[in-house]
Amino acid sequence: MSSTVEPREGILRPVSAGVVSALVAFTSSFIVVLTGLTAVGASADQASSGLLAVSVTMGLGCILLATWTRQPITVAWSTPGAALLAATGTLEGGWPVAVGAFLVTGILIIVTGLIPQLGAVVARIPVSVAQAMLAGVLFQLCLGPITGMAENPLAVAPVVVAWLLALRFLPRWAAPIAFLVAAIVIGVHIVASGATIDAADLAPRIQFTAPELSVTGMIGIALPLYLVTMASQNVPGVAVMKGLGYEVPWRRSLLVTGIGTVAGAPAGGHAINLAAISAALAAGPEAGEDRSRRWIASVTNGVVVIVLGVASAAFGALVLLAPAGVIAAVAGLALIGTLASSLKAALAETGELVPAVVAFATAASGIAIGGISAAFWALVAGLVVRFVVRPRRAPAQS
């Protein structure tokens, strides 16, 4: 009897961990993805297509890497990257230029996997400046709950209160619970307003867009998206896994996520990468004591994310019918934890405070010079200030 129960329990733990990690990852940030894609010019259908594309590519990435390596390697969409898009806005040339930038981002990730020296160059970007840039981008979105409370308190307040209570008692589920309450608020709003949803609008759909390459797209989206994805997702993802006792195959991981990004770009997918938070859920003790079976959690994660991605059009329709302020509030609440982590990393070293604050302020300003987004100028400003104010090391005495 025990010999039958033990194998079942050994599989049940990683499967349940995989389901939880997928649900947390998807429901906590899919609104950020839709917001970012819409901000750079996607229509509602194109944004839903992009959400479906990144869901499928990250799910397949999870399944492939986990079965290939027999490690609980988890792939996720780039949430900071989506936040970057939301802060960037539409560039000249619109959605096709954004799609071209997504394609180039994937190519850069592939090249980084093939050429270790490029990864070393990215690693040399000061953590303080890179994280301050990301914090400035996130700051704009994290104002959503505040502006939403002022604009539409009756609709937004229940979402904020639910998030706050969940943060106290169920912190891992805070963002998903906020989304669940938002869905209830939207449902009540739909009934009260008499709005209707066409069943055809709920069917999953893929809309391909021919990519267009432009200088502003490369500098304004592709380069910042690549750097954010590498510095805020891939590198921490490797660190999380190492802390749990796993050595992530860097080249294989970048090749899989880079190819996945390239494949998803024409359908509107912005970027996929190694996961950090959901990686901890799938690779930690929650996935069972038997470390040799934890890879099953990542496979399960991939399957569940693909299933959720099939409902992307339904999620998109829900967002379109939301009352004023609700979606911005949910997106902001989902990113507050990431903002806190970015600020902590940016301001960790006393000698880096001024360059970090300059990078943060530049990114938070939302300026666009020459059609190039604030994220790029934040990196430039932070690096220039750092070069000027940071004392040079004195030459060694002979």
Protein backbone atom coordinates (compact mmCIF):
# COMPACT_ATOMS: atom_id res chain seq x y z
CA MET A 1 0.00 0.00 0.00
CA SER A 2 2.73 2.45 0.98
CA SER A 3 4.70 1.75 -2.19
CA THR A 4 1.67 2.92 -4.20
CA VAL A 5 0.96 6.02 -2.12
CA GLU A 6 4.53 7.33 -1.99
CA PRO A 7 5.00 7.70 -5.76
CA ARG A 8 1.65 9.46 -6.01
CA GLU A 9 2.59 11.85 -3.22
CA GLY A 10 5.98 12.35 -4.86
CA ILE A 11 4.28 13.51 -8.06
CA LEU A 12 1.45 15.41 -6.39
CA ARG A 13 3.73 17.87 -4.62
CA PRO A 14 5.59 19.12 -7.73
CA VAL A 15 2.38 19.14 -9.79
CA SER A 16 0.57 21.27 -7.21
CA ALA A 17 3.59 23.59 -6.90
CA GLY A 18 3.61 23.99 -10.67
CA VAL A 19 -0.08 24.86 -10.75
CA VAL A 20 0.35 27.44 -7.98
CA SER A 21 3.41 29.03 -9.61
CA ALA A 22 1.59 29.32 -12.95
CA LEU A 23 -1.54 30.82 -11.42
CA VAL A 24 0.46 33.33 -9.38
CA ALA A 25 2.67 34.31 -12.32
CA PHE A 26 -0.18 34.70 -14.80
CA THR A 27 -2.89 36.37 -12.73
CA SER A 28 -0.51 38.75 -10.98
CA SER A 29 0.86 40.39 -14.11
CA PHE A 30 -1.09 39.62 -17.29
CA ILE A 31 -2.76 43.03 -16.98
CA VAL A 32 0.71 44.62 -17.05
CA VAL A 33 1.42 42.76 -20.31
CA LEU A 34 -1.85 43.93 -21.91
CA THR A 35 -1.21 47.48 -20.68
CA GLY A 36 2.31 47.54 -22.09
CA LEU A 37 1.35 46.14 -25.50
CA THR A 38 -1.56 48.56 -25.82
CA ALA A 39 0.68 51.48 -24.86
CA VAL A 40 3.07 50.84 -27.77
CA GLY A 41 0.27 50.79 -30.31
CA ALA A 42 -1.43 47.39 -30.22
CA SER A 43 -5.17 47.19 -30.79
CA ALA A 44 -7.25 45.16 -28.35
CA ASP A 45 -7.05 42.11 -30.62
CA GLN A 46 -3.31 42.56 -31.17
CA ALA A 47 -2.70 42.88 -27.42
CA SER A 48 -4.70 39.68 -26.78
CA SER A 49 -2.66 37.99 -29.50
CA GLY A 50 0.54 39.14 -27.82
CA LEU A 51 -0.62 37.79 -24.45
CA LEU A 52 -1.42 34.45 -26.09
CA ALA A 53 1.96 34.42 -27.85
CA VAL A 54 4.03 35.01 -24.69
CA SER A 55 1.90 32.52 -22.75
CA VAL A 56 2.48 29.78 -25.30
CA THR A 57 6.20 30.51 -25.80
CA MET A 58 6.94 30.72 -22.08
CA GLY A 59 4.92 27.56 -21.46
CA LEU A 60 6.79 25.68 -24.16
CA GLY A 61 10.05 27.11 -22.80
CA CYS A 62 9.26 25.73 -19.35
CA ILE A 63 8.43 22.29 -20.74
CA LEU A 64 11.49 22.15 -22.99
CA LEU A 65 14.09 23.35 -20.48
CA ALA A 66 12.70 21.26 -17.62
CA THR A 67 12.58 18.02 -19.62
CA TRP A 68 15.92 18.77 -21.30
CA THR A 69 17.83 19.49 -18.09
CA ARG A 70 15.71 17.61 -15.53
CA GLN A 71 15.86 20.79 -13.46
CA PRO A 72 12.91 22.94 -12.31
CA ILE A 73 13.80 25.79 -14.68
CA THR A 74 10.85 28.12 -15.14
CA VAL A 75 10.35 30.58 -17.99
CA ALA A 76 8.22 33.71 -17.65
CA TRP A 77 7.27 36.72 -19.69
CA SER A 78 9.22 39.87 -18.94
CA THR A 79 6.98 41.77 -16.52
CA PRO A 80 9.50 44.63 -16.10
CA GLY A 81 9.74 44.67 -19.88
CA ALA A 82 5.97 45.06 -20.18
CA ALA A 83 6.11 47.87 -17.63
CA LEU A 84 8.82 49.49 -19.74
CA LEU A 85 6.53 49.35 -22.78
CA ALA A 86 3.70 50.93 -20.79
CA ALA A 87 5.94 53.83 -19.88
CA THR A 88 7.40 54.17 -23.39
CA GLY A 89 4.21 54.77 -25.34
CA THR A 90 3.71 54.63 -29.09
CA LEU A 91 6.72 55.41 -31.25
CA GLU A 92 6.68 56.80 -34.77
CA GLY A 93 5.61 53.92 -36.99
CA GLY A 94 3.31 52.48 -34.35
CA TRP A 95 2.74 48.81 -33.62
CA PRO A 96 4.82 47.36 -36.51
CA VAL A 97 7.89 49.21 -35.15
CA ALA A 98 7.24 47.76 -31.69
CA VAL A 99 6.99 44.27 -33.18
CA GLY A 100 10.28 44.83 -34.99
CA ALA A 101 11.85 45.85 -31.67
CA PHE A 102 10.54 42.65 -30.01
CA LEU A 103 12.15 40.64 -32.80
CA VAL A 104 15.50 42.38 -32.32
CA THR A 105 15.26 41.83 -28.55
CA GLY A 106 14.99 38.10 -29.14
CA ILE A 107 17.94 38.16 -31.52
CA LEU A 108 20.04 40.00 -28.93
CA ILE A 109 19.17 37.37 -26.32
CA ILE A 110 20.21 34.60 -28.73
CA VAL A 111 23.48 36.36 -29.52
CA THR A 112 24.15 36.77 -25.79
CA GLY A 113 23.79 33.02 -25.39
CA LEU A 114 26.20 32.39 -28.26
CA ILE A 115 28.77 35.05 -27.33
CA PRO A 116 29.65 35.01 -23.60
CA GLN A 117 31.53 38.30 -23.95
CA LEU A 118 28.29 40.14 -24.68
CA GLY A 119 26.79 38.82 -21.47
CA ALA A 120 29.89 40.05 -19.65
CA VAL A 121 29.37 43.55 -21.10
CA VAL A 122 25.76 43.59 -19.90
CA ALA A 123 26.90 42.42 -16.46
CA ARG A 124 29.22 45.44 -16.27
CA ILE A 125 26.32 47.88 -16.31
CA PRO A 126 26.14 49.09 -12.68
CA VAL A 127 23.31 47.46 -10.79
CA SER A 128 22.46 50.80 -9.19
CA VAL A 129 21.85 52.53 -12.55
CA ALA A 130 20.03 49.62 -14.17
CA GLN A 131 17.73 49.10 -11.19
CA ALA A 132 17.13 52.84 -10.80
CA MET A 133 16.08 53.02 -14.45
CA LEU A 134 13.66 50.14 -13.89
CA ALA A 135 12.34 51.75 -10.70
CA GLY A 136 11.66 54.98 -12.57
CA VAL A 137 9.72 53.08 -15.22
CA LEU A 138 7.73 51.18 -12.59
CA PHE A 139 7.04 54.32 -10.57
CA GLN A 140 4.70 55.72 -13.20
CA LEU A 141 2.61 52.55 -13.21
CA CYS A 142 2.61 52.23 -9.43
CA LEU A 143 0.78 55.56 -9.24
CA GLY A 144 -2.24 53.76 -10.71
CA PRO A 145 -3.86 52.80 -7.38
CA ILE A 146 -3.48 56.37 -6.10
CA THR A 147 -4.85 58.10 -9.18
CA GLY A 148 -7.54 55.43 -9.43
CA MET A 149 -8.70 56.07 -5.87
CA ALA A 150 -9.02 59.77 -6.71
CA GLU A 151 -10.75 59.13 -10.05
CA ASN A 152 -13.14 56.31 -9.16
CA PRO A 153 -12.97 55.43 -5.45
CA LEU A 154 -16.08 53.22 -5.39
CA ALA A 155 -14.61 50.85 -7.99
CA VAL A 156 -10.95 51.00 -6.99
CA ALA A 157 -11.21 50.96 -3.18
CA PRO A 158 -12.39 47.31 -2.94
CA VAL A 159 -9.40 46.23 -5.07
CA VAL A 160 -6.91 48.15 -2.91
CA VAL A 161 -8.43 46.93 0.36
CA ALA A 162 -8.41 43.31 -0.84
CA TRP A 163 -4.78 43.63 -1.91
CA LEU A 164 -3.78 45.15 1.44
CA LEU A 165 -5.51 42.43 3.47
CA ALA A 166 -4.03 39.70 1.28
CA LEU A 167 -0.60 41.29 1.67
CA ARG A 168 -1.02 40.86 5.42
CA PHE A 169 -2.37 37.32 5.51
CA LEU A 170 -1.60 35.73 2.09
CA PRO A 171 1.27 37.79 0.64
CA ARG A 172 2.02 35.38 -2.22
CA TRP A 173 -1.56 35.72 -3.45
CA ALA A 174 -1.93 39.49 -2.96
CA ALA A 175 -1.82 40.40 -6.66
CA PRO A 176 -4.03 37.49 -7.83
CA ILE A 177 -6.61 38.31 -5.15
CA ALA A 178 -6.57 41.96 -6.23
CA PHE A 179 -7.28 40.78 -9.78
CA LEU A 180 -10.09 38.50 -8.57
CA VAL A 181 -11.77 41.37 -6.74
CA ALA A 182 -11.25 43.58 -9.80
CA ALA A 183 -12.96 40.92 -11.94
CA ILE A 184 -15.94 41.00 -9.55
CA VAL A 185 -16.03 44.80 -9.74
CA ILE A 186 -15.92 44.62 -13.54
CA GLY A 187 -18.68 42.01 -13.55
CA VAL A 188 -20.92 44.21 -11.40
CA HIS A 189 -20.14 47.16 -13.69
CA ILE A 190 -21.05 45.15 -16.80
CA VAL A 191 -24.38 44.08 -15.30
CA ALA A 192 -25.18 47.60 -14.08
CA SER A 193 -24.28 49.22 -17.39
CA GLY A 194 -26.10 46.67 -19.50
CA ALA A 195 -23.01 46.00 -21.61
CA THR A 196 -22.86 42.75 -23.57
CA ILE A 197 -19.99 40.50 -24.62
CA ASP A 198 -20.08 38.77 -27.99
CA ALA A 199 -19.11 35.11 -27.60
CA ALA A 200 -16.97 35.42 -30.74
CA ASP A 201 -14.82 37.99 -28.95
CA LEU A 202 -13.82 35.37 -26.35
CA ALA A 203 -12.27 32.95 -28.84
CA PRO A 204 -8.44 32.85 -28.83
CA ARG A 205 -6.91 34.53 -31.84
CA ILE A 206 -3.51 35.21 -33.30
CA GLN A 207 -2.87 38.36 -35.30
CA PHE A 208 0.44 38.46 -37.12
CA THR A 209 2.10 41.81 -37.83
CA ALA A 210 4.94 42.33 -40.27
CA PRO A 211 7.81 43.80 -38.22
CA GLU A 212 9.34 47.14 -39.20
CA LEU A 213 12.85 48.08 -38.16
CA SER A 214 13.70 51.66 -37.25
CA VAL A 215 16.39 53.45 -35.29
CA THR A 216 13.89 54.80 -32.76
CA GLY A 217 12.46 51.32 -32.29
CA MET A 218 15.91 49.82 -31.73
CA ILE A 219 17.03 52.47 -29.27
CA GLY A 220 13.67 53.32 -27.73
CA ILE A 221 12.35 49.78 -27.21
CA ALA A 222 14.69 46.95 -28.23
CA LEU A 223 17.81 48.02 -26.31
CA PRO A 224 16.05 48.99 -23.05
CA LEU A 225 13.82 45.88 -23.27
CA TYR A 226 16.86 43.67 -23.76
CA LEU A 227 18.75 45.26 -20.86
CA VAL A 228 15.75 45.13 -18.52
CA THR A 229 15.08 41.51 -19.43
CA MET A 230 18.70 40.53 -18.86
CA ALA A 231 19.40 42.59 -15.73
CA SER A 232 16.03 42.25 -14.00
CA GLN A 233 14.96 38.75 -15.03
CA ASN A 234 17.65 36.45 -16.43
CA VAL A 235 20.46 37.31 -14.02
CA PRO A 236 18.24 37.23 -10.88
CA GLY A 237 16.62 34.05 -12.20
CA VAL A 238 19.99 32.32 -12.29
CA ALA A 239 20.79 33.65 -8.80
CA VAL A 240 17.50 32.34 -7.37
CA MET A 241 18.12 28.89 -8.83
CA LYS A 242 21.70 28.86 -7.57
CA GLY A 243 20.46 29.72 -4.10
CA LEU A 244 18.21 26.66 -4.29
CA GLY A 245 21.11 24.46 -5.34
CA TYR A 246 20.66 24.36 -9.13
CA GLU A 247 23.15 25.42 -11.80
CA VAL A 248 21.17 26.83 -14.72
CA PRO A 249 22.70 26.11 -18.14
CA TRP A 250 23.13 29.74 -19.22
CA ARG A 251 23.64 29.21 -22.95
CA ARG A 252 20.78 26.76 -23.39
CA SER A 253 18.44 28.95 -21.36
CA LEU A 254 19.21 32.06 -23.39
CA LEU A 255 18.89 30.19 -26.67
CA VAL A 256 15.49 28.79 -25.71
CA THR A 257 14.14 32.12 -24.41
CA GLY A 258 15.71 34.08 -27.27
CA ILE A 259 14.25 31.77 -29.93
CA GLY A 260 10.92 31.87 -28.10
CA THR A 261 10.98 35.67 -28.14
CA VAL A 262 11.75 35.72 -31.86
CA ALA A 263 8.99 33.20 -32.57
CA GLY A 264 6.41 35.12 -30.55
CA ALA A 265 7.30 38.60 -31.80
CA PRO A 266 5.26 38.59 -35.06
CA ALA A 267 2.18 37.62 -33.02
CA GLY A 268 2.83 40.48 -30.57
CA GLY A 269 4.84 38.72 -27.84
CA HIS A 270 7.35 41.13 -26.31
CA ALA A 271 9.89 38.91 -24.51
CA ILE A 272 10.28 35.77 -22.42
CA ASN A 273 13.08 35.02 -19.97
CA LEU A 274 14.12 32.99 -16.95
CA ALA A 275 11.70 33.43 -14.06
CA ALA A 276 12.70 34.50 -10.58
CA ILE A 277 9.69 34.48 -8.22
CA SER A 278 7.85 31.64 -9.94
CA ALA A 279 11.17 29.81 -10.19
CA ALA A 280 11.40 29.84 -6.41
CA LEU A 281 7.89 28.40 -6.18
CA ALA A 282 8.62 25.58 -8.61
CA ALA A 283 12.14 24.77 -7.43
CA GLY A 284 11.75 25.19 -3.68
CA PRO A 285 10.57 22.88 -0.91
CA GLU A 286 6.92 23.44 -1.96
CA ALA A 287 7.67 21.17 -4.93
CA GLY A 288 8.51 18.25 -2.63
CA GLU A 289 11.45 16.86 -0.73
CA ASP A 290 12.59 14.74 -3.67
CA ARG A 291 14.73 17.20 -5.66
CA SER A 292 14.96 14.77 -8.57
CA ARG A 293 11.23 15.25 -9.25
CA ARG A 294 10.95 19.02 -8.90
CA TRP A 295 11.38 19.47 -12.65
CA ILE A 296 7.82 18.15 -12.92
CA ALA A 297 6.67 21.42 -11.30
CA SER A 298 8.14 23.45 -14.16
CA VAL A 299 6.55 21.17 -16.76
CA THR A 300 3.20 21.57 -14.99
CA ASN A 301 3.73 25.34 -14.86
CA GLY A 302 4.24 25.37 -18.61
CA VAL A 303 1.11 23.37 -19.34
CA VAL A 304 -1.09 25.52 -17.08
CA VAL A 305 0.27 28.78 -18.52
CA ILE A 306 -0.51 27.61 -22.06
CA VAL A 307 -4.07 26.74 -20.99
CA LEU A 308 -4.47 30.17 -19.38
CA GLY A 309 -3.05 31.80 -22.51
CA VAL A 310 -5.82 30.26 -24.60
CA ALA A 311 -8.22 32.46 -22.58
CA SER A 312 -6.25 35.60 -23.50
CA ALA A 313 -9.08 37.07 -25.57
CA ALA A 314 -11.48 36.65 -22.65
CA PHE A 315 -9.02 38.39 -20.31
CA GLY A 316 -8.61 41.16 -22.88
CA ALA A 317 -12.38 41.61 -23.17
CA LEU A 318 -12.62 41.86 -19.39
CA VAL A 319 -10.02 44.61 -19.38
CA LEU A 320 -11.83 46.57 -22.10
CA LEU A 321 -15.07 46.62 -20.10
CA ALA A 322 -13.48 47.66 -16.79
CA PRO A 323 -14.64 50.88 -15.12
CA ALA A 324 -12.25 53.81 -15.05
CA GLY A 325 -9.15 53.41 -12.90
CA VAL A 326 -9.54 49.71 -12.07
CA ILE A 327 -7.05 48.24 -14.55
CA ALA A 328 -4.40 50.86 -13.81
CA ALA A 329 -4.85 50.15 -10.10
CA VAL A 330 -4.44 46.38 -10.50
CA ALA A 331 -1.35 46.85 -12.67
CA GLY A 332 0.18 49.23 -10.17
CA LEU A 333 -0.51 46.96 -7.21
CA ALA A 334 1.07 44.03 -9.07
CA LEU A 335 4.29 46.01 -9.55
CA ILE A 336 4.73 47.57 -6.10
CA GLY A 337 6.84 44.66 -4.86
CA THR A 338 9.09 44.88 -7.92
CA LEU A 339 9.40 48.64 -7.45
CA ALA A 340 10.45 48.15 -3.83
CA SER A 341 13.08 45.58 -4.82
CA SER A 342 14.42 47.84 -7.57
CA LEU A 343 14.70 50.84 -5.28
CA LYS A 344 16.45 48.75 -2.63
CA ALA A 345 19.01 47.50 -5.16
CA ALA A 346 19.47 50.96 -6.70
CA LEU A 347 20.15 52.68 -3.38
CA ALA A 348 22.08 49.89 -1.67
CA GLU A 349 25.52 51.52 -2.14
CA THR A 350 26.07 54.97 -0.67
CA GLY A 351 28.59 55.92 -3.34
CA GLU A 352 26.04 55.22 -6.10
CA LEU A 353 23.18 57.33 -4.75
CA VAL A 354 23.49 60.37 -7.03
CA PRO A 355 23.79 58.45 -10.34
CA ALA A 356 20.95 56.18 -9.24
CA VAL A 357 18.65 59.07 -8.35
CA VAL A 358 19.43 60.80 -11.65
CA ALA A 359 18.60 57.62 -13.58
CA PHE A 360 15.41 57.15 -11.55
CA ALA A 361 14.26 60.75 -12.05
CA THR A 362 14.98 60.63 -15.79
CA ALA A 363 13.02 57.40 -16.27
CA ALA A 364 10.16 58.59 -14.06
CA SER A 365 9.88 61.83 -16.07
CA GLY A 366 8.62 59.92 -19.08
CA ILE A 367 10.41 62.24 -21.48
CA ALA A 368 11.01 61.21 -25.08
CA ILE A 369 13.81 62.96 -26.94
CA GLY A 370 14.13 62.35 -30.65
CA GLY A 371 11.40 59.75 -30.40
CA ILE A 372 13.55 57.69 -27.99
CA SER A 373 12.01 56.67 -24.68
CA ALA A 374 12.96 57.88 -21.22
CA ALA A 375 14.35 54.47 -20.27
CA PHE A 376 17.26 54.84 -22.68
CA TRP A 377 18.00 58.40 -21.58
CA ALA A 378 17.84 57.27 -17.95
CA LEU A 379 20.65 54.79 -18.59
CA VAL A 380 22.67 57.45 -20.42
CA ALA A 381 22.14 60.07 -17.72
CA GLY A 382 22.92 57.68 -14.89
CA LEU A 383 26.11 56.39 -16.53
CA VAL A 384 27.34 59.90 -17.42
CA VAL A 385 26.75 61.20 -13.89
CA ARG A 386 28.40 58.13 -12.44
CA PHE A 387 31.45 58.61 -14.65
CA VAL A 388 31.78 62.26 -13.61
CA VAL A 389 31.14 62.07 -9.88
CA ARG A 390 32.52 58.67 -9.00
CA PRO A 391 36.13 59.08 -7.80
CA ARG A 392 38.68 57.33 -9.96
CA ARG A 393 40.97 54.86 -8.28
CA ALA A 394 44.42 56.20 -7.73
CA PRO A 395 47.16 54.44 -9.72
CA ALA A 396 49.11 51.86 -7.78
CA GLN A 397 52.38 53.11 -6.29
CA SER A 398 55.46 51.49 -7.76
